Amino acid sequence: MAGDYEAAITRELAARGRAMHLHRTEGESPESQRAADDHALAVRYRAGLGALLFQLRAHRTVAAN
């Protein structure tokens, strides 16, 4: 699971870099907007994995009553 989270971070950073590059070189083009949308999706995916990892870790460390 931790490997998936690391991969999600890598995808998010790559998507961010692509979105920033396209925005600088093309402005508000459809391609740069798609790249920004891809980045937003990667952020949500990584955040979801982070929340799941937190829940799993909390479940293991907190004793059930």
PDB file of N, CA and C in Angstrom:
ATOM      1  N   MET A   1       0.821  -1.187   0.000  1.00  0.00           N
ATOM      2  CA  MET A   1       0.000   0.000   0.000  1.00  0.00           C
ATOM      3  C   MET A   1       0.872   1.261   0.000  1.00  0.00           C
ATOM      4  N   ALA A   2       1.964   1.231   0.750  1.00  0.00           N
ATOM      5  CA  ALA A   2       2.846   2.393   0.784  1.00  0.00           C
ATOM      6  C   ALA A   2       3.471   2.647  -0.583  1.00  0.00           C
ATOM      7  N   GLY A   3       3.756   1.581  -1.313  1.00  0.00           N
ATOM      8  CA  GLY A   3       4.291   1.728  -2.665  1.00  0.00           C
ATOM      9  C   GLY A   3       3.294   2.400  -3.595  1.00  0.00           C
ATOM     10  N   ASP A   4       2.010   2.081  -3.430  1.00  0.00           N
ATOM     11  CA  ASP A   4       0.970   2.731  -4.222  1.00  0.00           C
ATOM     12  C   ASP A   4       0.918   4.224  -3.920  1.00  0.00           C
ATOM     13  N   TYR A   5       1.082   4.565  -2.638  1.00  0.00           N
ATOM     14  CA  TYR A   5       1.052   5.972  -2.240  1.00  0.00           C
ATOM     15  C   TYR A   5       2.242   6.718  -2.853  1.00  0.00           C
ATOM     16  N   GLU A   6       3.410   6.104  -2.822  1.00  0.00           N
ATOM     17  CA  GLU A   6       4.588   6.729  -3.428  1.00  0.00           C
ATOM     18  C   GLU A   6       4.396   6.909  -4.927  1.00  0.00           C
ATOM     19  N   ALA A   7       3.806   5.927  -5.577  1.00  0.00           N
ATOM     20  CA  ALA A   7       3.530   6.031  -7.013  1.00  0.00           C
ATOM     21  C   ALA A   7       2.522   7.147  -7.284  1.00  0.00           C
ATOM     22  N   ALA A   8       1.543   7.296  -6.403  1.00  0.00           N
ATOM     23  CA  ALA A   8       0.547   8.356  -6.562  1.00  0.00           C
ATOM     24  C   ALA A   8       1.193   9.731  -6.432  1.00  0.00           C
ATOM     25  N   ILE A   9       2.145   9.856  -5.516  1.00  0.00           N
ATOM     26  CA  ILE A   9       2.861  11.122  -5.366  1.00  0.00           C
ATOM     27  C   ILE A   9       3.652  11.422  -6.639  1.00  0.00           C
ATOM     28  N   THR A  10       4.307  10.404  -7.175  1.00  0.00           N
ATOM     29  CA  THR A  10       5.080  10.574  -8.409  1.00  0.00           C
ATOM     30  C   THR A  10       4.177  11.013  -9.557  1.00  0.00           C
ATOM     31  N   ARG A  11       3.007  10.363  -9.690  1.00  0.00           N
ATOM     32  CA  ARG A  11       2.060  10.741 -10.747  1.00  0.00           C
ATOM     33  C   ARG A  11       1.564  12.166 -10.551  1.00  0.00           C
ATOM     34  N   GLU A  12       1.284  12.525  -9.292  1.00  0.00           N
ATOM     35  CA  GLU A  12       0.803  13.880  -9.010  1.00  0.00           C
ATOM     36  C   GLU A  12       1.851  14.925  -9.403  1.00  0.00           C
ATOM     37  N   LEU A  13       3.102  14.683  -9.036  1.00  0.00           N
ATOM     38  CA  LEU A  13       4.158  15.643  -9.365  1.00  0.00           C
ATOM     39  C   LEU A  13       4.385  15.742 -10.866  1.00  0.00           C
ATOM     40  N   ALA A  14       4.320  14.609 -11.555  1.00  0.00           N
ATOM     41  CA  ALA A  14       4.476  14.625 -13.011  1.00  0.00           C
ATOM     42  C   ALA A  14       3.333  15.392 -13.669  1.00  0.00           C
ATOM     43  N   ALA A  15       2.112  15.160 -13.197  1.00  0.00           N
ATOM     44  CA  ALA A  15       0.949  15.861 -13.748  1.00  0.00           C
ATOM     45  C   ALA A  15       1.042  17.361 -13.463  1.00  0.00           C
ATOM     46  N   ARG A  16       1.524  17.711 -12.294  1.00  0.00           N
ATOM     47  CA  ARG A  16       1.682  19.127 -11.946  1.00  0.00           C
ATOM     48  C   ARG A  16       2.708  19.791 -12.864  1.00  0.00           C
ATOM     49  N   GLY A  17       3.832  19.109 -13.052  1.00  0.00           N
ATOM     50  CA  GLY A  17       4.862  19.660 -13.928  1.00  0.00           C
ATOM     51  C   GLY A  17       4.367  19.856 -15.345  1.00  0.00           C
ATOM     52  N   ARG A  18       3.631  18.879 -15.841  1.00  0.00           N
ATOM     53  CA  ARG A  18       3.091  18.985 -17.206  1.00  0.00           C
ATOM     54  C   ARG A  18       2.090  20.130 -17.299  1.00  0.00           C
ATOM     55  N   ALA A  19       1.211  20.253 -16.307  1.00  0.00           N
ATOM     56  CA  ALA A  19       0.211  21.321 -16.308  1.00  0.00           C
ATOM     57  C   ALA A  19       0.883  22.691 -16.253  1.00  0.00           C
ATOM     58  N   MET A  20       1.896  22.823 -15.419  1.00  0.00           N
ATOM     59  CA  MET A  20       2.599  24.103 -15.318  1.00  0.00           C
ATOM     60  C   MET A  20       3.317  24.436 -16.621  1.00  0.00           C
ATOM     61  N   HIS A  21       3.970  23.441 -17.215  1.00  0.00           N
ATOM     62  CA  HIS A  21       4.678  23.660 -18.478  1.00  0.00           C
ATOM     63  C   HIS A  21       3.710  24.100 -19.574  1.00  0.00           C
ATOM     64  N   LEU A  22       2.603  23.398 -19.711  1.00  0.00           N
ATOM     65  CA  LEU A  22       1.643  23.741 -20.760  1.00  0.00           C
ATOM     66  C   LEU A  22       1.012  25.109 -20.516  1.00  0.00           C
ATOM     67  N   HIS A  23       0.742  25.430 -19.274  1.00  0.00           N
ATOM     68  CA  HIS A  23       0.149  26.734 -18.976  1.00  0.00           C
ATOM     69  C   HIS A  23       1.125  27.863 -19.334  1.00  0.00           C
ATOM     70  N   ARG A  24       2.418  27.645 -19.045  1.00  0.00           N
ATOM     71  CA  ARG A  24       3.425  28.666 -19.385  1.00  0.00           C
ATOM     72  C   ARG A  24       3.624  28.790 -20.887  1.00  0.00           C
ATOM     73  N   THR A  25       3.582  27.665 -21.593  1.00  0.00           N
ATOM     74  CA  THR A  25       3.895  27.702 -23.024  1.00  0.00           C
ATOM     75  C   THR A  25       2.670  27.931 -23.907  1.00  0.00           C
ATOM     76  N   GLU A  26       1.492  27.490 -23.449  1.00  0.00           N
ATOM     77  CA  GLU A  26       0.295  27.592 -24.289  1.00  0.00           C
ATOM     78  C   GLU A  26      -0.790  28.483 -23.709  1.00  0.00           C
ATOM     79  N   GLY A  27      -0.620  28.935 -22.479  1.00  0.00           N
ATOM     80  CA  GLY A  27      -1.675  29.739 -21.865  1.00  0.00           C
ATOM     81  C   GLY A  27      -2.880  28.878 -21.534  1.00  0.00           C
ATOM     82  N   GLU A  28      -4.048  29.442 -21.700  1.00  0.00           N
ATOM     83  CA  GLU A  28      -5.295  28.733 -21.367  1.00  0.00           C
ATOM     84  C   GLU A  28      -5.810  27.905 -22.541  1.00  0.00           C
ATOM     85  N   SER A  29      -4.985  27.040 -23.067  1.00  0.00           N
ATOM     86  CA  SER A  29      -5.396  26.195 -24.188  1.00  0.00           C
ATOM     87  C   SER A  29      -6.194  24.996 -23.664  1.00  0.00           C
ATOM     88  N   PRO A  30      -6.938  24.332 -24.539  1.00  0.00           N
ATOM     89  CA  PRO A  30      -7.662  23.122 -24.111  1.00  0.00           C
ATOM     90  C   PRO A  30      -6.717  22.050 -23.558  1.00  0.00           C
ATOM     91  N   GLU A  31      -5.537  21.933 -24.162  1.00  0.00           N
ATOM     92  CA  GLU A  31      -4.571  20.932 -23.695  1.00  0.00           C
ATOM     93  C   GLU A  31      -4.063  21.277 -22.287  1.00  0.00           C
ATOM     94  N   SER A  32      -3.804  22.552 -22.033  1.00  0.00           N
ATOM     95  CA  SER A  32      -3.339  22.930 -20.689  1.00  0.00           C
ATOM     96  C   SER A  32      -4.467  22.758 -19.667  1.00  0.00           C
ATOM     97  N   GLN A  33      -5.695  22.978 -20.076  1.00  0.00           N
ATOM     98  CA  GLN A  33      -6.826  22.758 -19.163  1.00  0.00           C
ATOM     99  C   GLN A  33      -6.986  21.277 -18.836  1.00  0.00           C
ATOM    100  N   ARG A  34      -6.812  20.414 -19.850  1.00  0.00           N
ATOM    101  CA  ARG A  34      -6.864  18.971 -19.599  1.00  0.00           C
ATOM    102  C   ARG A  34      -5.747  18.553 -18.647  1.00  0.00           C
ATOM    103  N   ALA A  35      -4.560  19.124 -18.832  1.00  0.00           N
ATOM    104  CA  ALA A  35      -3.437  18.811 -17.948  1.00  0.00           C
ATOM    105  C   ALA A  35      -3.737  19.266 -16.523  1.00  0.00           C
ATOM    106  N   ALA A  36      -4.364  20.426 -16.374  1.00  0.00           N
ATOM    107  CA  ALA A  36      -4.748  20.903 -15.039  1.00  0.00           C
ATOM    108  C   ALA A  36      -5.790  19.978 -14.424  1.00  0.00           C
ATOM    109  N   ASP A  37      -6.723  19.509 -15.226  1.00  0.00           N
ATOM    110  CA  ASP A  37      -7.729  18.564 -14.731  1.00  0.00           C
ATOM    111  C   ASP A  37      -7.088  17.241 -14.320  1.00  0.00           C
ATOM    112  N   ASP A  38      -6.117  16.779 -15.113  1.00  0.00           N
ATOM    113  CA  ASP A  38      -5.385  15.553 -14.771  1.00  0.00           C
ATOM    114  C   ASP A  38      -4.650  15.720 -13.448  1.00  0.00           C
ATOM    115  N   HIS A  39      -4.063  16.894 -13.255  1.00  0.00           N
ATOM    116  CA  HIS A  39      -3.363  17.157 -11.996  1.00  0.00           C
ATOM    117  C   HIS A  39      -4.340  17.142 -10.821  1.00  0.00           C
ATOM    118  N   ALA A  40      -5.489  17.780 -10.993  1.00  0.00           N
ATOM    119  CA  ALA A  40      -6.492  17.803  -9.922  1.00  0.00           C
ATOM    120  C   ALA A  40      -6.953  16.380  -9.589  1.00  0.00           C
ATOM    121  N   LEU A  41      -7.128  15.559 -10.599  1.00  0.00           N
ATOM    122  CA  LEU A  41      -7.518  14.171 -10.380  1.00  0.00           C
ATOM    123  C   LEU A  41      -6.425  13.415  -9.627  1.00  0.00           C
ATOM    124  N   ALA A  42      -5.171  13.651  -9.995  1.00  0.00           N
ATOM    125  CA  ALA A  42      -4.050  12.989  -9.318  1.00  0.00           C
ATOM    126  C   ALA A  42      -3.966  13.425  -7.852  1.00  0.00           C
ATOM    127  N   VAL A  43      -4.256  14.698  -7.582  1.00  0.00           N
ATOM    128  CA  VAL A  43      -4.254  15.192  -6.202  1.00  0.00           C
ATOM    129  C   VAL A  43      -5.333  14.483  -5.390  1.00  0.00           C
ATOM    130  N   ARG A  44      -6.543  14.388  -5.949  1.00  0.00           N
ATOM    131  CA  ARG A  44      -7.642  13.714  -5.232  1.00  0.00           C
ATOM    132  C   ARG A  44      -7.324  12.237  -4.989  1.00  0.00           C
ATOM    133  N   TYR A  45      -6.732  11.580  -5.979  1.00  0.00           N
ATOM    134  CA  TYR A  45      -6.383  10.165  -5.838  1.00  0.00           C
ATOM    135  C   TYR A  45      -5.349   9.969  -4.734  1.00  0.00           C
ATOM    136  N   ARG A  46      -4.295  10.810  -4.745  1.00  0.00           N
ATOM    137  CA  ARG A  46      -3.260  10.723  -3.723  1.00  0.00           C
ATOM    138  C   ARG A  46      -3.816  11.032  -2.343  1.00  0.00           C
ATOM    139  N   ALA A  47      -4.698  12.008  -2.243  1.00  0.00           N
ATOM    140  CA  ALA A  47      -5.304  12.350  -0.956  1.00  0.00           C
ATOM    141  C   ALA A  47      -6.167  11.200  -0.438  1.00  0.00           C
ATOM    142  N   GLY A  48      -6.878  10.556  -1.337  1.00  0.00           N
ATOM    143  CA  GLY A  48      -7.692   9.406  -0.937  1.00  0.00           C
ATOM    144  C   GLY A  48      -6.832   8.260  -0.429  1.00  0.00           C
ATOM    145  N   LEU A  49      -5.734   7.990  -1.114  1.00  0.00           N
ATOM    146  CA  LEU A  49      -4.825   6.941  -0.643  1.00  0.00           C
ATOM    147  C   LEU A  49      -4.210   7.317   0.701  1.00  0.00           C
ATOM    148  N   GLY A  50      -3.870   8.589   0.865  1.00  0.00           N
ATOM    149  CA  GLY A  50      -3.305   9.046   2.129  1.00  0.00           C
ATOM    150  C   GLY A  50      -4.286   8.858   3.272  1.00  0.00           C
ATOM    151  N   ALA A  51      -5.550   9.169   3.030  1.00  0.00           N
ATOM    152  CA  ALA A  51      -6.574   8.992   4.057  1.00  0.00           C
ATOM    153  C   ALA A  51      -6.752   7.516   4.393  1.00  0.00           C
ATOM    154  N   LEU A  52      -6.738   6.673   3.378  1.00  0.00           N
ATOM    155  CA  LEU A  52      -6.872   5.233   3.609  1.00  0.00           C
ATOM    156  C   LEU A  52      -5.690   4.702   4.416  1.00  0.00           C
ATOM    157  N   LEU A  53      -4.478   5.122   4.055  1.00  0.00           N
ATOM    158  CA  LEU A  53      -3.305   4.693   4.819  1.00  0.00           C
ATOM    159  C   LEU A  53      -3.393   5.154   6.273  1.00  0.00           C
ATOM    160  N   PHE A  54      -3.858   6.382   6.485  1.00  0.00           N
ATOM    161  CA  PHE A  54      -4.005   6.895   7.844  1.00  0.00           C
ATOM    162  C   PHE A  54      -5.003   6.044   8.629  1.00  0.00           C
ATOM    163  N   GLN A  55      -6.132   5.710   7.994  1.00  0.00           N
ATOM    164  CA  GLN A  55      -7.142   4.891   8.659  1.00  0.00           C
ATOM    165  C   GLN A  55      -6.596   3.508   9.000  1.00  0.00           C
ATOM    166  N   LEU A  56      -5.882   2.911   8.063  1.00  0.00           N
ATOM    167  CA  LEU A  56      -5.310   1.588   8.315  1.00  0.00           C
ATOM    168  C   LEU A  56      -4.286   1.632   9.439  1.00  0.00           C
ATOM    169  N   ARG A  57      -3.459   2.651   9.441  1.00  0.00           N
ATOM    170  CA  ARG A  57      -2.447   2.794  10.483  1.00  0.00           C
ATOM    171  C   ARG A  57      -3.114   3.042  11.838  1.00  0.00           C
ATOM    172  N   ALA A  58      -4.128   3.885  11.858  1.00  0.00           N
ATOM    173  CA  ALA A  58      -4.841   4.177  13.104  1.00  0.00           C
ATOM    174  C   ALA A  58      -5.551   2.922  13.611  1.00  0.00           C
ATOM    175  N   HIS A  59      -6.101   2.143  12.704  1.00  0.00           N
ATOM    176  CA  HIS A  59      -6.797   0.918  13.095  1.00  0.00           C
ATOM    177  C   HIS A  59      -5.831  -0.071  13.743  1.00  0.00           C
ATOM    178  N   ARG A  60      -4.603  -0.125  13.246  1.00  0.00           N
ATOM    179  CA  ARG A  60      -3.618  -1.057  13.809  1.00  0.00           C
ATOM    180  C   ARG A  60      -3.080  -0.595  15.147  1.00  0.00           C
ATOM    181  N   THR A  61      -3.015   0.739  15.349  1.00  0.00           N
ATOM    182  CA  THR A  61      -2.373   1.237  16.568  1.00  0.00           C
ATOM    183  C   THR A  61      -3.346   1.508  17.707  1.00  0.00           C
ATOM    184  N   VAL A  62      -4.628   1.638  17.411  1.00  0.00           N
ATOM    185  CA  VAL A  62      -5.612   1.922  18.456  1.00  0.00           C
ATOM    186  C   VAL A  62      -6.383   0.639  18.739  1.00  0.00           C
ATOM    187  N   ALA A  63      -6.398   0.230  19.988  1.00  0.00           N
ATOM    188  CA  ALA A  63      -7.106  -1.000  20.358  1.00  0.00           C
ATOM    189  C   ALA A  63      -8.611  -0.773  20.288  1.00  0.00           C
ATOM    190  N   ALA A  64      -9.318  -1.759  19.778  1.00  0.00           N
ATOM    191  CA  ALA A  64     -10.782  -1.674  19.716  1.00  0.00           C
ATOM    192  C   ALA A  64     -11.351  -1.938  21.099  1.00  0.00           C
ATOM    193  N   ASN A  65     -12.407  -1.227  21.440  1.00  0.00           N
ATOM    194  CA  ASN A  65     -13.048  -1.401  22.736  1.00  0.00           C
ATOM    195  C   ASN A  65     -14.181  -2.391  22.649  1.00  0.00           C
TER     196      ASN A  65
END
